[in-house]
């Protein structure tokens, strides 16, 4: 028996009651429920903990869905060999999802395996890959340390991976997510839903604007408009917008100095660029 505590309540649940498939990298958990099946891929903050709980389960059950989690055991971006076996186990068990859902690492997984699962994905701030040989040094660099060439060699999203009509929900003002969304669009027939001023924390914006209530019922265009109309209800939007405006004002002198230095005569361009480096270093303190 597995004993665990969730939100102050005690549960006793046999592993066989919830586990559909398990290997060294992932576990597939049946969250059970009366409605349409939604397969969920977890973010890195909610790894498999040996219980029947997973990211998104309570949210989906409260809205009448039947959640099924493909849950990573580590921060591993759902290795292809393991996740393909997990998908086949789901199919063999007769699960036919209506949607695939995930955030960040989970958004990547939702898109990568949506065609194999036979349903469109709703991916919040997904990655195209975390392979540094593909992203370069500066994109997704916070995740490069989790890339394992042995298990992630074929992780990049490719033609045929993404179910047509899947949705990518992201903040275009967040450079990493803008790059990832653009790369995914190059190899898929997905729909972009741009949401305002939330950075990578798209789920929090959707909660604060109550957009989660219509996440699975609205068209992509209608959903984006709903978030935009309700953006001022979200403290995250107001905070992120104010921070970006402040940062832009702080960098106006540096931007102006850079342009001046770039256009300057060769005789003093090097000195001007040196002054710019000092200015930027002082602003980082």
Protein backbone atom coordinates (compact mmCIF):
# COMPACT_ATOMS: atom_id res chain seq x y z
CA UNK A 1 0.00 0.00 0.00
CA UNK A 2 1.08 3.60 -0.62
CA UNK A 3 0.40 6.08 2.17
CA UNK A 4 0.58 9.78 1.52
CA UNK A 5 -0.81 13.10 2.67
CA UNK A 6 -2.33 15.65 0.31
CA UNK A 7 -3.61 19.05 1.45
CA UNK A 8 -4.09 17.90 5.00
CA UNK A 9 -6.07 14.76 4.09
CA UNK A 10 -4.87 11.17 4.44
CA UNK A 11 -5.26 8.64 1.66
CA UNK A 12 -4.48 4.96 1.23
CA UNK A 13 -4.12 3.84 -2.35
CA UNK A 14 -2.63 0.76 -3.95
CA UNK A 15 -0.17 1.55 -6.74
CA UNK A 16 -2.09 -0.84 -8.98
CA UNK A 17 -5.16 1.36 -8.63
CA UNK A 18 -3.57 4.30 -10.41
CA UNK A 19 -0.45 3.13 -12.32
CA UNK A 20 -0.98 2.21 -15.98
CA UNK A 21 2.70 2.13 -17.00
CA UNK A 22 6.00 2.79 -15.27
CA UNK A 23 9.69 2.64 -16.08
CA UNK A 24 12.81 4.41 -14.84
CA UNK A 25 11.83 7.75 -16.44
CA UNK A 26 8.03 8.17 -16.36
CA UNK A 27 4.88 6.88 -14.71
CA UNK A 28 1.40 6.97 -16.25
CA UNK A 29 -1.30 7.67 -13.69
CA UNK A 30 -5.06 7.28 -14.13
CA UNK A 31 -6.63 10.20 -12.26
CA UNK A 32 -10.11 8.80 -12.92
CA UNK A 33 -13.16 10.92 -13.59
CA UNK A 34 -16.52 10.91 -15.36
CA UNK A 35 -15.86 13.10 -18.39
CA UNK A 36 -13.65 13.45 -21.43
CA UNK A 37 -10.06 12.28 -21.07
CA UNK A 38 -7.29 14.88 -20.86
CA UNK A 39 -3.71 13.58 -20.85
CA UNK A 40 -1.45 15.80 -18.75
CA UNK A 41 2.33 16.24 -18.92
CA UNK A 42 3.91 17.73 -15.79
CA UNK A 43 6.22 20.74 -15.37
CA UNK A 44 9.56 20.35 -13.61
CA UNK A 45 8.11 21.54 -10.29
CA UNK A 46 5.73 18.56 -9.99
CA UNK A 47 7.63 15.29 -10.45
CA UNK A 48 6.32 11.79 -9.75
CA UNK A 49 6.29 11.24 -5.97
CA UNK A 50 5.04 7.68 -5.72
CA UNK A 51 1.41 8.66 -5.28
CA UNK A 52 -1.58 9.00 -7.54
CA UNK A 53 -1.32 12.79 -7.60
CA UNK A 54 -0.01 14.92 -10.48
CA UNK A 55 -0.03 18.47 -11.78
CA UNK A 56 -3.43 19.50 -13.18
CA UNK A 57 -5.36 16.55 -11.72
CA UNK A 58 -7.50 18.46 -9.21
CA UNK A 59 -8.11 21.32 -11.65
CA UNK A 60 -9.34 18.98 -14.39
CA UNK A 61 -11.44 16.80 -12.10
CA UNK A 62 -13.14 19.89 -10.67
CA UNK A 63 -14.24 20.75 -14.20
CA UNK A 64 -15.64 17.32 -14.99
CA UNK A 65 -12.72 15.86 -16.97
CA UNK A 66 -10.98 12.50 -16.61
CA UNK A 67 -7.28 13.38 -16.16
CA UNK A 68 -4.50 10.95 -16.99
CA UNK A 69 -0.95 11.99 -16.11
CA UNK A 70 2.26 11.13 -17.93
CA UNK A 71 4.54 12.15 -15.09
CA UNK A 72 8.32 12.39 -15.25
CA UNK A 73 10.36 10.95 -12.39
CA UNK A 74 13.07 13.57 -12.81
CA UNK A 75 13.65 16.74 -14.79
CA UNK A 76 14.17 14.78 -17.98
CA UNK A 77 11.90 16.29 -20.67
CA UNK A 78 10.14 12.97 -21.30
CA UNK A 79 12.74 10.79 -23.03
CA UNK A 80 11.44 9.48 -26.34
CA UNK A 81 12.06 5.80 -25.65
CA UNK A 82 10.14 5.82 -22.37
CA UNK A 83 7.35 8.14 -23.44
CA UNK A 84 6.59 6.23 -26.62
CA UNK A 85 6.10 3.10 -24.51
CA UNK A 86 3.88 5.09 -22.15
CA UNK A 87 1.76 6.27 -25.08
CA UNK A 88 1.42 2.71 -26.38
CA UNK A 89 0.36 1.54 -22.91
CA UNK A 90 -2.36 4.19 -22.83
CA UNK A 91 -3.63 3.16 -26.23
CA UNK A 92 -3.59 -0.53 -25.29
CA UNK A 93 -5.63 0.28 -22.20
CA UNK A 94 -8.29 1.93 -24.37
CA UNK A 95 -7.72 5.57 -23.38
CA UNK A 96 -8.81 8.01 -26.12
CA UNK A 97 -8.00 11.58 -25.06
CA UNK A 98 -9.85 14.67 -26.21
CA UNK A 99 -6.97 17.01 -25.27
CA UNK A 100 -3.31 16.84 -24.29
CA UNK A 101 -2.28 19.48 -21.74
CA UNK A 102 0.96 20.68 -20.21
CA UNK A 103 3.09 23.59 -19.03
CA UNK A 104 6.78 24.31 -19.77
CA UNK A 105 8.48 20.87 -19.75
CA UNK A 106 4.94 19.51 -19.82
CA UNK A 107 3.99 21.83 -22.67
CA UNK A 108 6.86 20.38 -24.66
CA UNK A 109 5.68 16.84 -23.86
CA UNK A 110 2.08 17.66 -24.73
CA UNK A 111 3.09 18.88 -28.19
CA UNK A 112 5.80 16.29 -28.87
CA UNK A 113 3.46 13.34 -28.30
CA UNK A 114 0.11 14.87 -29.29
CA UNK A 115 0.05 13.27 -32.76
CA UNK A 116 0.97 9.89 -31.28
CA UNK A 117 -1.87 10.25 -28.76
CA UNK A 118 -4.28 11.38 -31.47
CA UNK A 119 -5.54 14.63 -29.93
CA UNK A 120 -4.70 18.36 -30.03
CA UNK A 121 -2.46 19.82 -27.34
CA UNK A 122 -2.88 22.93 -25.24
CA UNK A 123 0.71 23.83 -24.42
CA UNK A 124 1.54 26.64 -22.01
CA UNK A 125 5.00 28.17 -22.58
CA UNK A 126 6.50 25.03 -24.16
CA UNK A 127 10.06 24.41 -25.30
CA UNK A 128 11.00 23.34 -28.81
CA UNK A 129 14.05 21.56 -27.37
CA UNK A 130 16.62 22.07 -24.63
CA UNK A 131 19.44 20.66 -26.74
CA UNK A 132 22.12 23.40 -26.65
CA UNK A 133 23.42 22.33 -30.06
CA UNK A 134 20.03 23.39 -31.46
CA UNK A 135 19.14 26.37 -29.27
CA UNK A 136 22.57 27.97 -29.17
CA UNK A 137 24.19 29.35 -26.04
CA UNK A 138 21.60 31.93 -24.99
CA UNK A 139 18.16 30.38 -25.66
CA UNK A 140 16.75 28.06 -22.95
CA UNK A 141 20.12 28.20 -21.21
CA UNK A 142 18.52 27.66 -17.77
CA UNK A 143 17.57 24.19 -19.00
CA UNK A 144 20.78 23.17 -20.77
CA UNK A 145 22.07 21.50 -17.62
CA UNK A 146 19.18 19.04 -17.75
CA UNK A 147 19.94 17.91 -21.29
CA UNK A 148 21.26 14.35 -21.32
CA UNK A 149 22.55 13.39 -24.77
CA UNK A 150 22.00 9.72 -23.98
CA UNK A 151 18.25 9.92 -23.30
CA UNK A 152 17.37 13.23 -25.01
CA UNK A 153 19.18 12.72 -28.30
CA UNK A 154 15.98 12.77 -30.37
CA UNK A 155 14.01 15.24 -28.27
CA UNK A 156 13.62 18.16 -30.72
CA UNK A 157 10.03 18.59 -31.96
CA UNK A 158 9.85 17.61 -35.63
CA UNK A 159 7.41 17.45 -38.52
CA UNK A 160 4.65 15.00 -37.71
CA UNK A 161 5.02 15.15 -33.92
CA UNK A 162 2.32 17.77 -33.28
CA UNK A 163 -1.38 17.14 -33.81
CA UNK A 164 -2.84 19.75 -36.21
CA UNK A 165 -4.79 22.47 -34.44
CA UNK A 166 -2.79 22.29 -31.22
CA UNK A 167 -2.40 25.55 -29.30
CA UNK A 168 0.70 27.29 -28.00
CA UNK A 169 -0.11 29.84 -25.29
CA UNK A 170 2.79 32.13 -24.41
CA UNK A 171 3.94 35.66 -23.65
CA UNK A 172 5.68 37.08 -26.76
CA UNK A 173 7.52 39.50 -24.51
CA UNK A 174 9.45 36.60 -22.98
CA UNK A 175 12.34 36.06 -25.41
CA UNK A 176 12.85 32.34 -24.76
CA UNK A 177 9.19 31.49 -25.23
CA UNK A 178 8.92 33.64 -28.35
CA UNK A 179 11.83 31.72 -29.93
CA UNK A 180 10.38 28.34 -28.92
CA UNK A 181 6.91 29.18 -30.26
CA UNK A 182 8.34 30.35 -33.59
CA UNK A 183 10.42 27.18 -34.00
CA UNK A 184 7.47 24.92 -33.16
CA UNK A 185 5.31 26.75 -35.71
CA UNK A 186 7.89 26.00 -38.42
CA UNK A 187 7.22 22.27 -38.10
CA UNK A 188 3.56 22.14 -37.11
CA UNK A 189 0.09 23.42 -37.94
CA UNK A 190 -0.54 24.88 -34.51
CA UNK A 191 -2.38 28.00 -33.37
CA UNK A 192 -0.58 30.74 -31.47
CA UNK A 193 -2.31 32.38 -28.52
CA UNK A 194 -0.32 35.35 -27.29
CA UNK A 195 -1.02 36.46 -23.74
CA UNK A 196 0.23 39.72 -22.22
CA UNK A 197 2.99 40.42 -19.70
CA UNK A 198 3.33 37.29 -17.60
CA UNK A 199 6.76 36.00 -18.53
CA UNK A 200 7.04 32.23 -18.36
CA UNK A 201 4.34 31.95 -15.68
CA UNK A 202 1.41 31.54 -18.06
CA UNK A 203 -0.67 29.31 -15.70
CA UNK A 204 -0.71 32.01 -13.03
CA UNK A 205 -2.01 34.60 -15.49
CA UNK A 206 -4.76 32.23 -16.64
CA UNK A 207 -5.79 31.60 -13.03
CA UNK A 208 -5.85 35.29 -12.13
CA UNK A 209 -7.88 36.25 -15.21
CA UNK A 210 -10.21 33.24 -14.74
CA UNK A 211 -9.26 32.15 -18.25
CA UNK A 212 -8.75 28.62 -16.93
CA UNK A 213 -12.53 28.35 -16.79
CA UNK A 214 -12.77 28.57 -20.59
CA UNK A 215 -9.44 26.95 -21.50
CA UNK A 216 -11.01 23.89 -23.13
CA UNK A 217 -14.25 25.44 -24.36
CA UNK A 218 -13.22 28.53 -26.36
CA UNK A 219 -11.62 28.84 -29.77
CA UNK A 220 -7.98 29.91 -29.79
CA UNK A 221 -8.90 33.42 -31.00
CA UNK A 222 -11.71 33.76 -28.48
CA UNK A 223 -9.49 32.58 -25.66
CA UNK A 224 -6.78 35.10 -26.47
CA UNK A 225 -9.35 37.91 -26.52
CA UNK A 226 -10.76 36.73 -23.19
CA UNK A 227 -7.33 36.92 -21.53
CA UNK A 228 -6.66 40.35 -23.03
CA UNK A 229 -10.01 41.76 -21.85
CA UNK A 230 -9.40 40.52 -18.31
CA UNK A 231 -5.67 41.24 -18.04
CA UNK A 232 -6.03 44.07 -15.51
CA UNK A 233 -7.63 41.65 -13.04
CA UNK A 234 -4.28 39.84 -12.81
CA UNK A 235 -1.70 41.17 -10.31
CA UNK A 236 0.94 39.25 -12.29
CA UNK A 237 0.13 41.26 -15.44
CA UNK A 238 0.35 44.60 -13.63
CA UNK A 239 3.61 43.65 -11.91
CA UNK A 240 5.29 42.31 -15.06
CA UNK A 241 4.16 45.26 -17.17
CA UNK A 242 5.47 47.76 -14.61
CA UNK A 243 8.80 45.91 -14.37
CA UNK A 244 9.24 45.89 -18.14
CA UNK A 245 8.43 49.59 -18.42
CA UNK A 246 10.92 50.34 -15.64
CA UNK A 247 13.64 48.26 -17.30
CA UNK A 248 13.07 49.98 -20.62
CA UNK A 249 13.36 53.43 -19.04
CA UNK A 250 16.57 52.41 -17.29
CA UNK A 251 18.10 51.21 -20.54
CA UNK A 252 17.21 54.25 -22.66
CA UNK A 253 20.59 55.97 -21.94
CA UNK A 254 22.51 52.76 -22.70
CA UNK A 255 20.64 52.23 -25.95
CA UNK A 256 21.28 55.81 -27.03
CA UNK A 257 24.96 55.52 -26.10
CA UNK A 258 25.29 52.26 -28.05
CA UNK A 259 23.84 53.84 -31.19
CA UNK A 260 26.14 56.84 -30.80
CA UNK A 261 29.17 54.58 -30.30
CA UNK A 262 28.26 52.44 -33.32
CA UNK A 263 28.05 55.51 -35.53
CA UNK A 264 31.12 57.19 -34.08
CA UNK A 265 34.37 57.70 -36.00
CA UNK A 266 36.88 54.87 -35.62
CA UNK A 267 39.23 57.14 -33.71
CA UNK A 268 37.05 57.12 -30.56
CA UNK A 269 34.63 54.19 -31.11
CA UNK A 270 36.67 51.88 -28.85
CA UNK A 271 36.61 54.39 -26.00
CA UNK A 272 32.86 54.92 -26.43
CA UNK A 273 32.18 51.20 -26.29
CA UNK A 274 34.28 51.01 -23.13
CA UNK A 275 32.11 53.69 -21.53
CA UNK A 276 29.02 51.69 -22.51
CA UNK A 277 30.34 48.56 -20.77
CA UNK A 278 30.95 50.56 -17.59
CA UNK A 279 27.43 52.00 -17.77
CA UNK A 280 25.83 48.56 -18.17
CA UNK A 281 27.94 47.08 -15.35
CA UNK A 282 26.77 49.83 -12.98
CA UNK A 283 23.12 49.17 -13.87
CA UNK A 284 23.48 45.48 -13.00
CA UNK A 285 24.53 46.26 -9.42
